C-alpha atoms as a PDB file:
ATOM      1  CA  MET A   1      -0.130  -0.381   0.217  1.00  0.00           C
ATOM      2  CA  SER A   2       3.060   2.447   0.453  1.00  0.00           C
ATOM      3  CA  GLY A   3       3.192   3.167  -3.485  1.00  0.00           C
ATOM      4  CA  ALA A   4      -0.398   3.144  -3.784  1.00  0.00           C
ATOM      5  CA  LYS A   5      -1.738   6.188  -5.823  1.00  0.00           C
ATOM      6  CA  ASN A   6      -4.294   7.958  -3.798  1.00  0.00           C
ATOM      7  CA  GLY A   7      -6.099  10.173  -6.708  1.00  0.00           C
ATOM      8  CA  TYR A   8      -8.311   7.926  -8.937  1.00  0.00           C
ATOM      9  CA  SER A   9      -9.636   9.412 -11.657  1.00  0.00           C
ATOM     10  CA  SER A  10     -12.672   6.879 -11.654  1.00  0.00           C
ATOM     11  CA  PHE A  11     -14.439   4.604  -9.583  1.00  0.00           C
ATOM     12  CA  GLU A  12     -13.903   1.718 -11.837  1.00  0.00           C
ATOM     13  CA  GLU A  13      -9.894   2.501 -11.416  1.00  0.00           C
ATOM     14  CA  LEU A  14     -10.478   2.731  -7.804  1.00  0.00           C
ATOM     15  CA  TYR A  15     -12.047  -0.549  -7.818  1.00  0.00           C
ATOM     16  CA  MET A  16      -9.639  -2.218 -10.312  1.00  0.00           C
ATOM     17  CA  ALA A  17      -6.634  -1.154  -8.141  1.00  0.00           C
ATOM     18  CA  ASN A  18      -7.855  -2.428  -4.650  1.00  0.00           C
ATOM     19  CA  HIS A  19     -10.139  -5.248  -5.184  1.00  0.00           C
ATOM     20  CA  LYS A  20      -7.563  -7.954  -4.967  1.00  0.00           C
ATOM     21  CA  MET A  21      -6.280  -6.481  -1.568  1.00  0.00           C
ATOM     22  CA  ILE A  22      -9.510  -5.847  -0.215  1.00  0.00           C
ATOM     23  CA  PHE A  23     -10.775  -9.142  -1.124  1.00  0.00           C
ATOM     24  CA  ASN A  24      -7.636 -11.177   0.107  1.00  0.00           C
ATOM     25  CA  TYR A  25      -7.923  -9.234   3.561  1.00  0.00           C
ATOM     26  CA  VAL A  26     -11.264 -10.141   3.736  1.00  0.00           C
ATOM     27  CA  ARG A  27     -10.785 -13.748   2.918  1.00  0.00           C
ATOM     28  CA  ARG A  28      -8.116 -14.199   5.359  1.00  0.00           C
ATOM     29  CA  CYS A  29     -10.324 -13.041   7.961  1.00  0.00           C
ATOM     30  CA  ILE A  30     -13.484 -14.747   7.319  1.00  0.00           C
ATOM     31  CA  ARG A  31     -11.899 -18.064   6.433  1.00  0.00           C
ATOM     32  CA  ASN A  32     -13.183 -20.992   4.520  1.00  0.00           C
ATOM     33  CA  ASN A  33     -16.321 -18.667   3.089  1.00  0.00           C
ATOM     34  CA  GLU A  34     -15.662 -17.679  -0.570  1.00  0.00           C
ATOM     35  CA  ALA A  35     -19.372 -16.468  -0.879  1.00  0.00           C
ATOM     36  CA  ALA A  36     -19.281 -14.399   2.043  1.00  0.00           C
ATOM     37  CA  ALA A  37     -15.851 -13.024   1.413  1.00  0.00           C
ATOM     38  CA  GLU A  38     -17.083 -11.701  -1.903  1.00  0.00           C
ATOM     39  CA  ASP A  39     -20.183 -10.387  -0.387  1.00  0.00           C
ATOM     40  CA  LEU A  40     -18.271  -8.614   2.203  1.00  0.00           C
ATOM     41  CA  THR A  41     -15.903  -7.365  -0.446  1.00  0.00           C
ATOM     42  CA  GLN A  42     -18.619  -6.056  -2.618  1.00  0.00           C
ATOM     43  CA  GLU A  43     -20.496  -4.276   0.501  1.00  0.00           C
ATOM     44  CA  VAL A  44     -17.016  -2.414   1.086  1.00  0.00           C
ATOM     45  CA  PHE A  45     -16.942  -1.040  -2.568  1.00  0.00           C
ATOM     46  CA  PHE A  46     -20.525  -0.123  -2.615  1.00  0.00           C
ATOM     47  CA  VAL A  47     -19.611   2.096   0.456  1.00  0.00           C
ATOM     48  CA  ALA A  48     -16.953   3.430  -1.678  1.00  0.00           C
ATOM     49  CA  TYR A  49     -19.086   4.043  -4.357  1.00  0.00           C
ATOM     50  CA  GLU A  50     -21.865   5.945  -2.144  1.00  0.00           C
ATOM     51  CA  LYS A  51     -18.853   8.074  -0.998  1.00  0.00           C
ATOM     52  CA  TRP A  52     -17.301   8.455  -4.033  1.00  0.00           C
ATOM     53  CA  GLU A  53     -17.252  12.497  -3.962  1.00  0.00           C
ATOM     54  CA  MET A  54     -15.774  12.273  -0.406  1.00  0.00           C
ATOM     55  CA  LEU A  55     -13.193   9.616  -1.539  1.00  0.00           C
ATOM     56  CA  LYS A  56     -12.010  11.802  -4.294  1.00  0.00           C
ATOM     57  CA  GLY A  57      -9.900  14.050  -2.002  1.00  0.00           C
ATOM     58  CA  HIS A  58      -9.372  11.585   0.433  1.00  0.00           C
ATOM     59  CA  PRO A  59      -5.311  11.133   1.225  1.00  0.00           C
ATOM     60  CA  ASN A  60      -5.492   7.318   1.872  1.00  0.00           C
ATOM     61  CA  ILE A  61      -7.862   5.585  -0.207  1.00  0.00           C
ATOM     62  CA  PRO A  62      -6.470   2.029   0.394  1.00  0.00           C
ATOM     63  CA  GLY A  63      -6.652   2.693   4.240  1.00  0.00           C
ATOM     64  CA  PHE A  64     -10.044   4.168   4.160  1.00  0.00           C
ATOM     65  CA  LEU A  65     -11.144   0.594   2.379  1.00  0.00           C
ATOM     66  CA  MET A  66      -9.383  -1.494   4.934  1.00  0.00           C
ATOM     67  CA  VAL A  67     -11.060   0.350   7.752  1.00  0.00           C
ATOM     68  CA  VAL A  68     -14.481  -0.326   5.999  1.00  0.00           C
ATOM     69  CA  ALA A  69     -13.780  -3.792   5.547  1.00  0.00           C
ATOM     70  CA  LYS A  70     -12.852  -4.243   8.892  1.00  0.00           C
ATOM     71  CA  ASN A  71     -16.247  -3.051  10.216  1.00  0.00           C
ATOM     72  CA  LYS A  72     -18.127  -4.937   7.796  1.00  0.00           C
ATOM     73  CA  ILE A  73     -16.418  -8.269   8.752  1.00  0.00           C
ATOM     74  CA  LYS A  74     -17.053  -7.243  12.407  1.00  0.00           C
ATOM     75  CA  LYS A  75     -20.729  -6.672  11.723  1.00  0.00           C
ATOM     76  CA  TRP A  76     -20.744 -10.079   9.678  1.00  0.00           C
ATOM     77  CA  TYR A  77     -19.179 -12.065  12.688  1.00  0.00           C
ATOM     78  CA  SER A  78     -21.607 -10.541  15.188  1.00  0.00           C
ATOM     79  CA  LYS A  79     -24.601 -11.451  13.290  1.00  0.00           C
ATOM     80  CA  GLN A  80     -23.249 -15.175  12.693  1.00  0.00           C
ATOM     81  CA  ASN A  81     -23.057 -15.387  16.880  1.00  0.00           C
ATOM     82  CA  LYS A  82     -26.758 -14.391  17.322  1.00  0.00           C
ATOM     83  CA  TYR A  83     -28.674 -16.949  18.975  1.00  0.00           C
ATOM     84  CA  TYR A  84     -32.267 -16.933  17.862  1.00  0.00           C
ATOM     85  CA  VAL A  85     -35.109 -19.064  19.368  1.00  0.00           C
ATOM     86  CA  ASP A  86     -37.773 -19.910  17.119  1.00  0.00           C
ATOM     87  CA  GLU A  87     -39.863 -22.657  18.896  1.00  0.00           C
ATOM     88  CA  GLU A  88     -43.030 -21.210  20.230  1.00  0.00           C
ATOM     89  CA  GLU A  89     -43.310 -24.035  22.677  1.00  0.00           C
ATOM     90  CA  ILE A  90     -40.070 -22.999  24.174  1.00  0.00           C
ATOM     91  CA  LEU A  91     -41.027 -19.461  24.529  1.00  0.00           C
ATOM     92  CA  ASP A  92     -44.477 -20.314  25.807  1.00  0.00           C
ATOM     93  CA  ILE A  93     -42.820 -22.375  28.445  1.00  0.00           C
ATOM     94  CA  MET A  94     -40.117 -19.679  29.427  1.00  0.00           C
ATOM     95  CA  SER A  95     -42.964 -16.915  29.521  1.00  0.00           C
ATOM     96  CA  GLU A  96     -44.899 -19.213  32.245  1.00  0.00           C
ATOM     97  CA  ASP A  97     -41.717 -19.919  34.150  1.00  0.00           C
ATOM     98  CA  VAL A  98     -41.197 -16.090  34.119  1.00  0.00           C
ATOM     99  CA  GLN A  99     -44.760 -15.380  35.264  1.00  0.00           C
ATOM    100  CA  GLU A 100     -44.775 -18.026  38.163  1.00  0.00           C
ATOM    101  CA  VAL A 101     -41.324 -16.496  39.435  1.00  0.00           C
ATOM    102  CA  ARG A 102     -41.743 -12.922  40.315  1.00  0.00           C
ATOM    103  CA  ALA A 103     -39.052 -12.863  42.541  1.00  0.00           C
ATOM    104  CA  PRO A 104     -35.576 -13.544  41.594  1.00  0.00           C
ATOM    105  CA  ASP A 105     -34.588 -17.075  42.287  1.00  0.00           C
ATOM    106  CA  ALA A 106     -31.690 -17.032  44.980  1.00  0.00           C
ATOM    107  CA  TYR A 107     -29.439 -19.630  43.717  1.00  0.00           C
ATOM    108  CA  ARG A 108     -29.479 -17.873  40.416  1.00  0.00           C
ATOM    109  CA  MET A 109     -28.539 -14.608  42.245  1.00  0.00           C
ATOM    110  CA  VAL A 110     -25.503 -16.139  43.671  1.00  0.00           C
ATOM    111  CA  ASP A 111     -24.586 -17.285  40.249  1.00  0.00           C
ATOM    112  CA  PHE A 112     -25.151 -13.819  38.978  1.00  0.00           C
ATOM    113  CA  TYR A 113     -23.087 -12.162  41.474  1.00  0.00           C
ATOM    114  CA  SER A 114     -20.366 -14.640  41.236  1.00  0.00           C
ATOM    115  CA  SER A 115     -20.064 -14.372  37.657  1.00  0.00           C
ATOM    116  CA  VAL A 116     -19.753 -10.348  38.067  1.00  0.00           C
ATOM    117  CA  GLU A 117     -17.349 -10.646  40.672  1.00  0.00           C
ATOM    118  CA  ASN A 118     -15.226 -13.193  38.482  1.00  0.00           C
ATOM    119  CA  THR A 119     -15.828 -10.534  35.691  1.00  0.00           C
ATOM    120  CA  LEU A 120     -14.428  -7.358  37.201  1.00  0.00           C
ATOM    121  CA  SER A 121     -11.983  -6.690  39.717  1.00  0.00           C
ATOM    122  CA  ASP A 122     -12.698  -5.443  43.436  1.00  0.00           C
ATOM    123  CA  ASN A 123     -11.684  -1.899  42.380  1.00  0.00           C
ATOM    124  CA  ASP A 124     -13.786  -1.730  39.235  1.00  0.00           C
ATOM    125  CA  LEU A 125     -16.793  -2.839  41.200  1.00  0.00           C
ATOM    126  CA  SER A 126     -15.986  -0.536  44.091  1.00  0.00           C
ATOM    127  CA  ILE A 127     -15.787   2.386  41.333  1.00  0.00           C
ATOM    128  CA  LEU A 128     -19.267   1.297  39.629  1.00  0.00           C
ATOM    129  CA  ARG A 129     -20.861   1.178  43.257  1.00  0.00           C
ATOM    130  CA  HIS A 130     -19.551   4.734  43.782  1.00  0.00           C
ATOM    131  CA  TYR A 131     -20.565   5.847  40.381  1.00  0.00           C
ATOM    132  CA  TYR A 132     -24.298   4.192  40.244  1.00  0.00           C
ATOM    133  CA  GLU A 133     -25.274   3.332  43.807  1.00  0.00           C
ATOM    134  CA  TYR A 134     -23.690   6.331  45.839  1.00  0.00           C
ATOM    135  CA  GLY A 135     -24.589   8.672  42.876  1.00  0.00           C
ATOM    136  CA  TYR A 136     -21.093  10.352  42.570  1.00  0.00           C
ATOM    137  CA  THR A 137     -20.672  12.602  39.378  1.00  0.00           C
ATOM    138  CA  SER A 138     -18.087  11.233  36.568  1.00  0.00           C
ATOM    139  CA  SER A 139     -16.087  14.649  37.763  1.00  0.00           C
ATOM    140  CA  GLU A 140     -16.053  13.927  41.173  1.00  0.00           C
ATOM    141  CA  MET A 141     -14.947   9.871  40.457  1.00  0.00           C
ATOM    142  CA  ALA A 142     -12.418  11.138  37.831  1.00  0.00           C
ATOM    143  CA  LYS A 143     -10.957  13.675  40.322  1.00  0.00           C
ATOM    144  CA  LYS A 144     -10.788  10.853  43.213  1.00  0.00           C
ATOM    145  CA  LEU A 145      -9.344   8.516  40.662  1.00  0.00           C
ATOM    146  CA  GLY A 146      -6.629  11.133  39.698  1.00  0.00           C
ATOM    147  CA  ILE A 147      -7.810  10.737  35.717  1.00  0.00           C
ATOM    148  CA  THR A 148      -9.716  12.818  33.167  1.00  0.00           C
ATOM    149  CA  GLU A 149     -13.262  12.756  33.165  1.00  0.00           C
ATOM    150  CA  SER A 150     -13.305  11.369  29.477  1.00  0.00           C
ATOM    151  CA  CYS A 151     -10.906   8.543  30.623  1.00  0.00           C
ATOM    152  CA  PHE A 152     -13.126   7.956  33.700  1.00  0.00           C
ATOM    153  CA  LYS A 153     -16.270   7.537  31.236  1.00  0.00           C
ATOM    154  CA  VAL A 154     -14.221   5.378  28.668  1.00  0.00           C
ATOM    155  CA  ARG A 155     -13.320   3.036  31.850  1.00  0.00           C
ATOM    156  CA  VAL A 156     -16.932   2.813  32.784  1.00  0.00           C
ATOM    157  CA  LEU A 157     -18.146   2.184  29.444  1.00  0.00           C
ATOM    158  CA  ARG A 158     -15.488  -0.853  28.927  1.00  0.00           C
ATOM    159  CA  MET A 159     -16.580  -2.081  32.777  1.00  0.00           C
ATOM    160  CA  LYS A 160     -20.340  -1.998  31.016  1.00  0.00           C
ATOM    161  CA  GLU A 161     -19.171  -3.907  27.954  1.00  0.00           C
ATOM    162  CA  LYS A 162     -17.309  -6.562  30.036  1.00  0.00           C
ATOM    163  CA  LEU A 163     -20.502  -6.947  32.321  1.00  0.00           C
ATOM    164  CA  LYS A 164     -22.786  -7.478  29.003  1.00  0.00           C
ATOM    165  CA  ASN A 165     -20.587  -9.785  27.374  1.00  0.00           C
ATOM    166  CA  SER A 166     -20.439 -11.883  30.790  1.00  0.00           C
ATOM    167  CA  MET A 167     -24.401 -11.748  31.060  1.00  0.00           C
ATOM    168  CA  ARG A 168     -24.519 -12.478  27.629  1.00  0.00           C
ATOM    169  CA  ILE A 169     -22.883 -16.116  28.742  1.00  0.00           C
ATOM    170  CA  PHE A 170     -24.635 -16.095  31.816  1.00  0.00           C
ATOM    171  CA  ILE A 171     -28.190 -16.146  30.166  1.00  0.00           C
ATOM    172  CA  LEU A 172     -27.070 -18.645  27.770  1.00  0.00           C
ATOM    173  CA  VAL A 173     -26.294 -21.019  30.399  1.00  0.00           C
ATOM    174  CA  VAL A 174     -29.239 -20.444  32.423  1.00  0.00           C
ATOM    175  CA  PHE A 175     -31.351 -20.841  29.330  1.00  0.00           C
ATOM    176  CA  ILE A 176     -29.972 -24.244  28.601  1.00  0.00           C
ATOM    177  CA  GLY A 177     -30.213 -25.108  32.004  1.00  0.00           C
ATOM    178  CA  VAL A 178     -34.036 -24.595  31.604  1.00  0.00           C
ATOM    179  CA  CYS A 179     -34.272 -26.205  28.282  1.00  0.00           C
ATOM    180  CA  ARG A 180     -32.273 -29.314  29.907  1.00  0.00           C
ATOM    181  CA  THR A 181     -34.704 -29.495  32.752  1.00  0.00           C
ATOM    182  CA  LEU A 182     -37.964 -29.226  30.554  1.00  0.00           C
ATOM    183  CA  LEU A 183     -36.346 -32.066  28.080  1.00  0.00           C
END
């Protein structure tokens, strides 16, 4: 890419000059799925086509295409990992289970708290408790930790993402346990 031409006179020229590079990158990331690699490559160039006027003056068009490809790959992988329940019977049974038990199950809550403690450190849990439970503002917490407010907000966002990912796994495990007891 170091010797890549940054000013293309037409979209076709941009496509011909960069297609192989983008396709090879996507194919390496997707592995063993040529059709998906080709589809994602075409999506990347569709974005480039839509933004052609902006790209004419862009200093690093191959870099732009690589970033678009990376984002398309991330979205593709996130769609592949979704769990979809289509069985009406299972959904009805789960909704009956939820209606019967209004209060949280004590054993499940212990599992929940245990997974939260395993996900975040004691220091991180303390930070979240001070921020959400005790009502400290982000500027107060940042000052207390000796960091900038934006750094604190990013830290909280990362902790929340860790918890979300942990909870997805926890919910899936609970769901599998409910399904096993029903079968």
